[in-house]
Protein backbone atom coordinates (compact mmCIF):
# COMPACT_ATOMS: atom_id res chain seq x y z
CA MET A 1 -17.45 10.02 30.79
CA LYS A 2 -19.93 8.48 28.36
CA PRO A 3 -18.40 8.21 24.42
CA GLU A 4 -19.58 11.20 22.27
CA ALA A 5 -19.25 8.22 19.13
CA VAL A 6 -18.34 5.08 18.62
CA LEU A 7 -15.64 4.07 15.88
CA ILE A 8 -15.58 0.79 14.03
CA ALA A 9 -12.85 0.00 11.87
CA GLY A 10 -11.76 -3.49 10.59
CA PRO A 11 -10.96 -5.30 7.34
CA THR A 12 -13.20 -6.10 4.01
CA ALA A 13 -15.34 -8.72 5.31
CA SER A 14 -14.30 -9.02 9.05
CA GLY A 15 -17.83 -8.19 10.09
CA LYS A 16 -17.98 -4.45 10.73
CA SER A 17 -21.46 -4.14 8.63
CA ALA A 18 -23.13 -6.71 11.03
CA VAL A 19 -21.88 -5.05 14.14
CA ALA A 20 -22.82 -1.59 13.51
CA LEU A 21 -26.41 -2.53 12.57
CA ALA A 22 -26.75 -4.75 15.77
CA LEU A 23 -25.07 -1.49 18.06
CA ALA A 24 -27.14 0.84 15.92
CA GLU A 25 -30.46 -1.10 16.98
CA ARG A 26 -29.97 -1.63 20.33
CA THR A 27 -29.05 1.76 20.99
CA GLY A 28 -30.86 4.45 18.22
CA GLY A 29 -28.02 4.99 16.66
CA VAL A 30 -27.22 6.06 12.83
CA VAL A 31 -24.59 4.42 10.79
CA ILE A 32 -22.59 6.25 8.64
CA ASN A 33 -19.97 5.20 6.76
CA ALA A 34 -16.10 5.85 6.56
CA ASP A 35 -15.20 3.30 3.15
CA SER A 36 -13.96 4.81 0.34
CA MET A 37 -15.85 2.66 -2.23
CA GLN A 38 -19.10 2.96 -0.78
CA VAL A 39 -19.87 6.23 -0.95
CA TYR A 40 -20.39 5.78 -4.68
CA GLY A 41 -23.59 5.15 -5.70
CA ASP A 42 -23.54 2.80 -9.25
CA LEU A 43 -21.60 -0.03 -6.81
CA ARG A 44 -23.97 -1.88 -4.46
CA ILE A 45 -23.10 -5.20 -4.54
CA ILE A 46 -19.83 -5.23 -5.18
CA THR A 47 -18.71 -2.78 -2.72
CA ALA A 48 -20.38 -4.54 -0.16
CA ARG A 49 -22.63 -1.49 0.98
CA PRO A 50 -25.59 -2.32 3.42
CA THR A 51 -28.56 -3.53 1.99
CA GLU A 52 -31.55 -1.95 1.10
CA ALA A 53 -33.28 -3.89 3.99
CA GLU A 54 -30.55 -3.31 6.55
CA GLU A 55 -30.39 0.55 5.55
CA ALA A 56 -34.45 0.28 6.04
CA ARG A 57 -33.53 -0.79 9.25
CA VAL A 58 -31.60 1.95 11.25
CA PRO A 59 -30.43 5.19 9.84
CA HIS A 60 -27.89 4.86 7.26
CA CYS A 61 -25.55 8.38 6.21
CA LEU A 62 -23.25 8.99 3.57
CA TYR A 63 -23.54 5.32 2.12
CA GLY A 64 -24.12 6.00 -2.18
CA HIS A 65 -24.12 9.96 -2.16
CA VAL A 66 -21.51 9.77 -4.57
CA ASP A 67 -21.55 9.81 -8.41
CA ALA A 68 -18.98 7.81 -9.75
CA ASP A 69 -17.76 10.63 -12.13
CA THR A 70 -16.35 12.00 -9.24
CA ASP A 71 -13.12 12.22 -7.58
CA TYR A 72 -13.96 12.07 -3.77
CA SER A 73 -11.08 12.77 -1.23
CA ALA A 74 -10.40 12.31 2.68
CA GLY A 75 -11.50 16.43 2.60
CA ARG A 76 -14.89 16.03 1.32
CA TRP A 77 -15.60 12.82 3.30
CA LEU A 78 -14.07 14.39 6.75
CA ASP A 79 -16.85 17.83 5.48
CA ASP A 80 -19.81 15.42 4.76
CA ALA A 81 -18.72 13.26 8.00
CA LEU A 82 -19.10 16.75 10.28
CA ALA A 83 -22.18 17.48 8.51
CA THR A 84 -23.60 14.15 9.67
CA LEU A 85 -22.48 14.45 12.92
CA ALA A 86 -23.75 17.43 13.72
CA ASP A 87 -27.21 15.98 12.41
CA ALA A 88 -26.90 12.90 14.73
CA ARG A 89 -25.90 15.24 17.53
CA ALA A 90 -29.20 17.33 16.46
CA GLN A 91 -31.46 14.67 16.82
CA GLY A 92 -30.07 12.55 19.92
CA ARG A 93 -28.64 9.70 17.88
CA LEU A 94 -25.36 8.19 18.67
CA PRO A 95 -23.53 8.51 15.82
CA ILE A 96 -21.91 5.01 14.71
CA PHE A 97 -18.96 5.21 12.55
CA ILE A 98 -17.59 2.33 10.43
CA GLY A 99 -15.66 1.47 7.77
CA GLY A 100 -12.03 0.10 6.57
CA THR A 101 -10.47 3.32 5.05
CA GLY A 102 -8.09 3.86 7.85
CA LEU A 103 -7.45 7.39 6.14
CA TYR A 104 -10.84 8.38 7.05
CA PHE A 105 -10.80 7.84 10.71
CA ARG A 106 -7.40 9.45 10.80
CA VAL A 107 -8.81 12.68 9.67
CA LEU A 108 -11.72 12.33 12.00
CA THR A 109 -9.62 11.87 15.15
CA GLN A 110 -6.37 13.54 14.44
CA GLY A 111 -7.69 16.37 11.63
CA LEU A 112 -7.32 17.50 8.33
CA ALA A 113 -4.19 19.32 6.77
CA ALA A 114 -5.12 22.55 5.53
CA VAL A 115 -4.59 22.30 1.75
CA PRO A 116 -5.69 25.10 -0.21
CA PRO A 117 -8.14 23.89 -3.00
CA ILE A 118 -6.86 22.71 -5.97
CA PRO A 119 -7.95 25.16 -9.39
CA GLU A 120 -10.16 22.76 -11.22
CA GLU A 121 -7.58 24.26 -14.20
CA VAL A 122 -4.39 22.41 -12.21
CA ARG A 123 -6.70 19.37 -11.67
CA ALA A 124 -7.92 18.99 -15.22
CA ALA A 125 -4.80 19.62 -16.99
CA LEU A 126 -2.66 16.76 -14.58
CA ARG A 127 -5.57 14.26 -15.22
CA ALA A 128 -5.72 14.68 -18.56
CA GLU A 129 -1.87 14.33 -19.22
CA ALA A 130 -1.81 11.54 -16.82
CA GLU A 131 -4.33 9.36 -18.72
CA GLY A 132 -1.23 8.53 -20.76
CA LEU A 133 1.29 6.86 -18.38
CA SER A 134 1.54 3.77 -16.66
CA ASP A 135 1.99 4.19 -13.04
CA ALA A 136 5.42 3.84 -12.95
CA ALA A 137 5.97 6.96 -15.23
CA LEU A 138 3.62 9.12 -13.10
CA HIS A 139 5.40 8.32 -10.08
CA GLN A 140 8.32 9.65 -11.43
CA CYS A 141 6.76 12.95 -12.58
CA LEU A 142 6.08 13.11 -8.94
CA VAL A 143 10.29 11.99 -8.51
CA ALA A 144 11.18 14.83 -9.86
CA ARG A 145 9.19 17.40 -8.42
CA ASP A 146 8.44 15.67 -5.15
CA ALA A 147 10.80 13.10 -4.01
CA ASP A 148 10.27 12.90 -0.33
CA GLY A 149 7.08 12.64 -1.14
CA ALA A 150 7.29 10.30 -4.25
CA ALA A 151 9.11 7.89 -1.12
CA ARG A 152 6.76 7.19 0.57
CA LEU A 153 4.35 6.20 -2.27
CA ALA A 154 3.87 2.99 -3.75
CA PRO A 155 3.43 3.74 -7.72
CA ALA A 156 0.59 1.73 -7.67
CA ASP A 157 -1.45 4.21 -5.66
CA ARG A 158 -1.81 6.61 -8.44
CA GLN A 159 -4.74 8.35 -6.79
CA ARG A 160 -2.24 9.48 -4.09
CA VAL A 161 0.42 10.19 -6.43
CA LEU A 162 -2.08 12.45 -8.58
CA ARG A 163 -3.09 14.06 -5.83
CA ALA A 164 0.28 14.96 -4.36
CA LEU A 165 1.05 15.96 -7.88
CA GLU A 166 -1.83 18.37 -7.82
CA VAL A 167 -0.45 19.89 -4.44
CA VAL A 168 2.63 20.33 -5.37
CA GLU A 169 1.81 22.15 -9.09
CA SER A 170 -0.70 24.05 -6.91
CA THR A 171 0.53 26.06 -4.23
CA GLY A 172 4.22 25.01 -4.96
CA ARG A 173 5.31 23.17 -1.77
CA PRO A 174 4.75 19.29 -1.17
CA LEU A 175 2.00 17.71 0.52
CA ALA A 176 4.13 16.75 3.85
CA ALA A 177 4.67 20.71 4.58
CA TRP A 178 1.14 21.26 4.42
CA GLN A 179 0.18 18.28 6.45
CA GLN A 180 2.32 19.62 9.57
CA ALA A 181 0.32 21.97 9.70
CA GLN A 182 -2.95 19.71 10.40
CA GLY A 183 -6.31 20.78 11.82
CA PRO A 184 -7.85 20.22 14.83
CA ALA A 185 -9.69 16.54 15.27
CA PRO A 186 -13.32 16.91 14.88
CA LEU A 187 -13.37 13.95 17.56
CA ALA A 188 -10.99 13.41 20.49
CA PRO A 189 -10.19 9.70 20.17
CA GLU A 190 -10.34 9.51 23.86
CA ARG A 191 -14.18 10.59 24.23
CA CYS A 192 -15.04 7.94 21.26
CA ALA A 193 -15.60 3.94 22.06
CA ARG A 194 -13.34 2.80 19.50
CA VAL A 195 -12.59 -1.04 18.27
CA VAL A 196 -10.28 -2.87 15.19
CA LEU A 197 -11.68 -5.77 14.30
CA GLU A 198 -9.61 -8.60 14.44
CA VAL A 199 -9.83 -11.87 12.39
CA GLU A 200 -7.82 -15.18 11.64
CA ARG A 201 -6.23 -14.76 8.79
CA GLU A 202 -7.40 -18.33 7.14
CA VAL A 203 -10.67 -16.75 8.08
CA LEU A 204 -10.70 -14.23 7.11
CA ARG A 205 -9.28 -15.03 3.28
CA ALA A 206 -12.01 -17.78 3.48
CA ARG A 207 -14.55 -15.25 4.51
CA ILE A 208 -13.54 -12.76 1.16
CA ASP A 209 -13.82 -15.76 -1.45
CA ALA A 210 -17.10 -16.83 -0.02
CA ARG A 211 -18.83 -12.98 -0.34
CA PHE A 212 -16.86 -12.47 -3.91
CA GLU A 213 -18.83 -15.64 -5.09
CA ALA A 214 -21.93 -14.33 -3.12
CA MET A 215 -21.66 -10.91 -4.83
CA MET A 216 -21.50 -12.51 -8.19
CA ALA A 217 -24.85 -14.38 -7.13
CA ALA A 218 -26.36 -11.40 -6.46
CA GLY A 219 -25.89 -9.25 -9.68
CA ALA A 220 -22.37 -7.98 -9.39
CA LEU A 221 -21.29 -8.57 -12.66
CA ASP A 222 -24.49 -6.31 -14.21
CA GLU A 223 -23.38 -3.41 -11.96
CA VAL A 224 -19.98 -3.21 -13.44
CA ALA A 225 -21.80 -3.80 -16.99
CA ALA A 226 -23.40 -0.91 -16.03
CA LEU A 227 -20.39 1.34 -14.60
CA ALA A 228 -18.53 0.35 -17.77
CA ALA A 229 -20.79 1.32 -19.88
CA ARG A 230 -20.52 5.15 -18.83
CA HIS A 231 -16.68 5.14 -19.97
CA LEU A 232 -15.19 6.89 -17.20
CA PRO A 233 -11.43 8.55 -17.64
CA ALA A 234 -9.24 5.72 -16.56
CA ALA A 235 -7.97 7.84 -13.21
CA ARG A 236 -11.62 7.67 -11.86
CA PRO A 237 -11.13 6.08 -8.32
CA ILE A 238 -14.20 3.66 -8.41
CA LEU A 239 -12.63 1.74 -11.33
CA LYS A 240 -10.15 0.28 -8.65
CA ALA A 241 -12.70 -0.77 -6.85
CA HIS A 242 -11.71 -4.12 -6.00
CA GLY A 243 -12.94 -7.03 -8.26
CA VAL A 244 -13.79 -4.15 -10.95
CA PRO A 245 -10.63 -4.17 -12.92
CA ALA A 246 -11.26 -8.36 -13.58
CA LEU A 247 -14.42 -8.06 -14.38
CA THR A 248 -14.23 -5.73 -16.80
CA ARG A 249 -11.88 -7.91 -18.73
CA TYR A 250 -13.84 -10.61 -18.66
CA LEU A 251 -16.70 -8.23 -20.55
CA VAL A 252 -14.41 -7.32 -22.99
CA GLY A 253 -13.27 -10.83 -23.70
CA GLU A 254 -9.86 -10.59 -22.18
CA MET A 255 -10.10 -13.40 -19.75
CA SER A 256 -12.45 -16.36 -18.45
CA ARG A 257 -15.24 -15.66 -15.75
CA GLU A 258 -13.51 -17.55 -13.89
CA ALA A 259 -10.56 -16.18 -14.12
CA ALA A 260 -12.15 -12.73 -13.39
CA ILE A 261 -13.79 -14.22 -9.79
CA ALA A 262 -9.92 -15.96 -9.05
CA GLU A 263 -8.66 -12.58 -9.44
CA GLY A 264 -10.74 -10.79 -7.77
CA GLN A 265 -11.10 -12.45 -4.83
CA ALA A 266 -7.02 -11.99 -4.84
CA ASP A 267 -7.48 -8.68 -4.90
CA THR A 268 -9.46 -8.17 -2.41
CA ARG A 269 -7.72 -10.50 -0.01
CA ARG A 270 -4.85 -8.10 -1.24
CA TYR A 271 -6.30 -5.17 -0.06
CA ALA A 272 -7.51 -6.47 3.49
CA LYS A 273 -3.65 -7.12 3.93
CA ARG A 274 -2.92 -3.83 3.81
CA GLN A 275 -5.93 -2.85 5.79
CA VAL A 276 -4.55 -5.01 8.82
CA THR A 277 -1.16 -3.61 8.11
CA TRP A 278 -2.29 -0.11 8.46
CA PHE A 279 -4.20 -0.79 11.34
CA ARG A 280 -1.29 -2.86 13.31
CA HIS A 281 1.07 0.85 12.38
CA GLN A 282 -1.71 3.49 12.13
CA MET A 283 -3.83 2.39 15.14
CA LYS A 284 -1.87 1.00 17.56
CA ASP A 285 -3.75 2.46 20.82
CA TRP A 286 -7.02 1.17 19.33
CA PRO A 287 -8.33 -2.05 20.96
CA ARG A 288 -8.87 -5.10 19.51
CA THR A 289 -11.66 -7.47 19.48
CA HIS A 290 -12.65 -10.30 17.04
CA PRO A 291 -15.83 -9.77 15.68
CA GLU A 292 -17.99 -11.91 17.99
CA GLY A 293 -17.26 -10.18 20.64
CA ALA A 294 -17.81 -6.56 19.80
CA LEU A 295 -20.80 -5.74 20.04
CA GLU A 296 -21.23 -6.63 24.08
CA THR A 297 -17.36 -4.52 24.14
CA LEU A 298 -19.14 -1.73 22.52
CA THR A 299 -22.01 -1.79 24.55
CA ALA A 300 -20.23 -2.13 28.26
CA ALA A 301 -18.05 0.95 26.91
CA LEU A 302 -20.81 3.27 26.14
CA SER A 303 -22.68 2.39 29.94
CA GLY A 304 -18.97 3.17 31.21
CA ALA A 305 -18.13 -0.42 32.09
């Protein structure tokens, strides 16, 4: 049976965008973003979103459609992705999902827990309280309310710790209890052409470092300065985008430009390592390929070869 969608995952700087663009041009497809930072409109350069020229070559969806002052979740992404998927099917276009956020691929192919909406007053109260707490202190709050859930989250994973606190505070049940009642999967994995791009570690590290330098030359610092001028609440996810914390510190005189670039590169390398670990453990059954062979591999899968 011909695949009904293409799913391209891989760590940052692995060449996913080039593969997706070439495949969309070859098939008349639409590129759909599955990266949690590239949804934000404020940061095109430093999140490595496709350029305007690339977006003009084929349809691109779910890039830059969310304001920075938004707590965008996997659930909201899935809602947006389902609407985009329906549009692609109506137009007879091949949907090509591409990104490095493993959780987005999981909810797309495994379904999402039916957690009730969090009342805005609960969300606002918890996030206001969290503003004055360190990562470790906030994590201890979760330990007191949901010890099992806290054990599965690193203290530095502030956004997910907050999400777990919101769920238990609002519903009286830990997040894991809701996750056991998983909803239906929007896309059956076996009916998709799936691939995880793999790049040798040292090659990937070099790509990340070179790309960060290119981002700086392209205006990443101006982008971060404009974001900082908005004075967003510290808990907003976009403020954790790789390179943003270090460049923000440079802008206020807390570190040198060279140190900020080095920290931004190191932060991105650490993130890539976490992505690779996720793909290895959570997406074991996905085929692997080098970026150079991905286009032909996916084309063959689409043709049934």
